[in-house]
Every structure is written in C-alpha cells, then in structure tokens.
Amino acid sequence: MALLTFGLARDQKALIPLTRLRSEFYRLPEDADLFKRRVLKKTVHELGHVFGLDHCPDRTM
C-alpha cells in the first residue's frame, strides 16, 4: 500500500487530500488565496492523470 501524500488518480477517479495543501499544516499563517490556488493546481494535475497523462520524464522542465 502506497503512502498517500498529495493526491492519487487511478481508474478514472482522483482523490485529493486537502490537509497538506493548507499553510497551517506547515505551521504558517492561514492563507485562503494560496489554498485555493493549490487546490486548483492539484485538481488540474490529478485530472491529467485521470485522462491518461503521466509525469514528464524530463525533470529539467
């Protein structure tokens, strides 16, 4: 079983735990705008996996 940290997508489903996307998780002040941006970016990322995209093998990008 894999450790679920930021998100998981498989079988045309995505799961995005929100806890680590909040600034408070890192003992920083609450930042609602940053949280919304992180949720949006993570959602788009996981939807890419749902639609069959993989991570880019070129780590320099």
Protein backbone atom coordinates (compact mmCIF):
# COMPACT_ATOMS: atom_id res chain seq x y z
CA MET A 1 0.00 0.00 0.00
CA ALA A 2 1.38 3.40 -1.02
CA LEU A 3 1.52 6.36 1.30
CA LEU A 4 -0.99 8.94 0.11
CA THR A 5 0.51 12.37 0.48
CA PHE A 6 -0.77 14.94 -2.01
CA GLY A 7 -3.07 13.08 -4.39
CA LEU A 8 -3.90 9.91 -6.23
CA ALA A 9 -5.55 9.20 -9.56
CA ARG A 10 -6.45 5.81 -10.99
CA ASP A 11 -9.35 4.04 -12.67
CA GLN A 12 -10.77 7.39 -13.82
CA LYS A 13 -11.06 8.64 -10.24
CA ALA A 14 -9.00 11.17 -8.32
CA LEU A 15 -8.52 11.71 -4.61
CA ILE A 16 -7.01 14.93 -3.32
CA PRO A 17 -6.47 15.21 0.44
CA LEU A 18 -6.63 18.89 1.36
CA THR A 19 -4.72 18.81 4.65
CA ARG A 20 -1.22 19.25 3.19
CA LEU A 21 -2.40 21.98 0.83
CA ARG A 22 -3.20 24.28 3.76
CA SER A 23 -0.50 26.63 5.02
CA GLU A 24 -1.44 25.76 8.59
CA PHE A 25 -0.16 22.20 8.04
CA TYR A 26 3.33 23.72 7.82
CA ARG A 27 2.69 25.95 10.86
CA LEU A 28 2.33 29.04 8.70
CA PRO A 29 -0.48 31.60 8.86
CA GLU A 30 -3.74 30.75 7.12
CA ASP A 31 -3.80 31.94 3.51
CA ALA A 32 -7.13 31.30 1.80
CA ASP A 33 -5.96 32.55 -1.62
CA LEU A 34 -2.88 30.31 -1.59
CA PHE A 35 -5.03 27.36 -0.51
CA LYS A 36 -7.44 27.95 -3.43
CA ARG A 37 -4.54 28.17 -5.90
CA ARG A 38 -3.02 24.94 -4.55
CA VAL A 39 -6.36 23.12 -4.77
CA LEU A 40 -6.86 24.30 -8.35
CA LYS A 41 -3.34 23.27 -9.41
CA LYS A 42 -3.61 19.89 -7.71
CA THR A 43 -7.03 19.26 -9.24
CA VAL A 44 -5.75 20.01 -12.75
CA HIS A 45 -2.72 17.79 -12.09
CA GLU A 46 -4.78 14.81 -10.93
CA LEU A 47 -7.33 15.25 -13.74
CA GLY A 48 -4.41 14.99 -16.16
CA HIS A 49 -3.69 11.55 -14.70
CA VAL A 50 -7.38 10.61 -14.88
CA PHE A 51 -7.28 11.44 -18.61
CA GLY A 52 -4.18 9.30 -19.13
CA LEU A 53 -1.29 11.75 -18.84
CA ASP A 54 1.81 10.70 -16.94
CA HIS A 55 4.54 12.79 -15.33
CA CYS A 56 7.08 14.25 -17.73
CA PRO A 57 10.27 12.13 -17.65
CA ASP A 58 12.35 15.30 -18.25
CA ARG A 59 12.94 16.59 -14.72
CA THR A 60 14.63 19.77 -16.03
CA MET A 61 11.34 21.36 -17.08
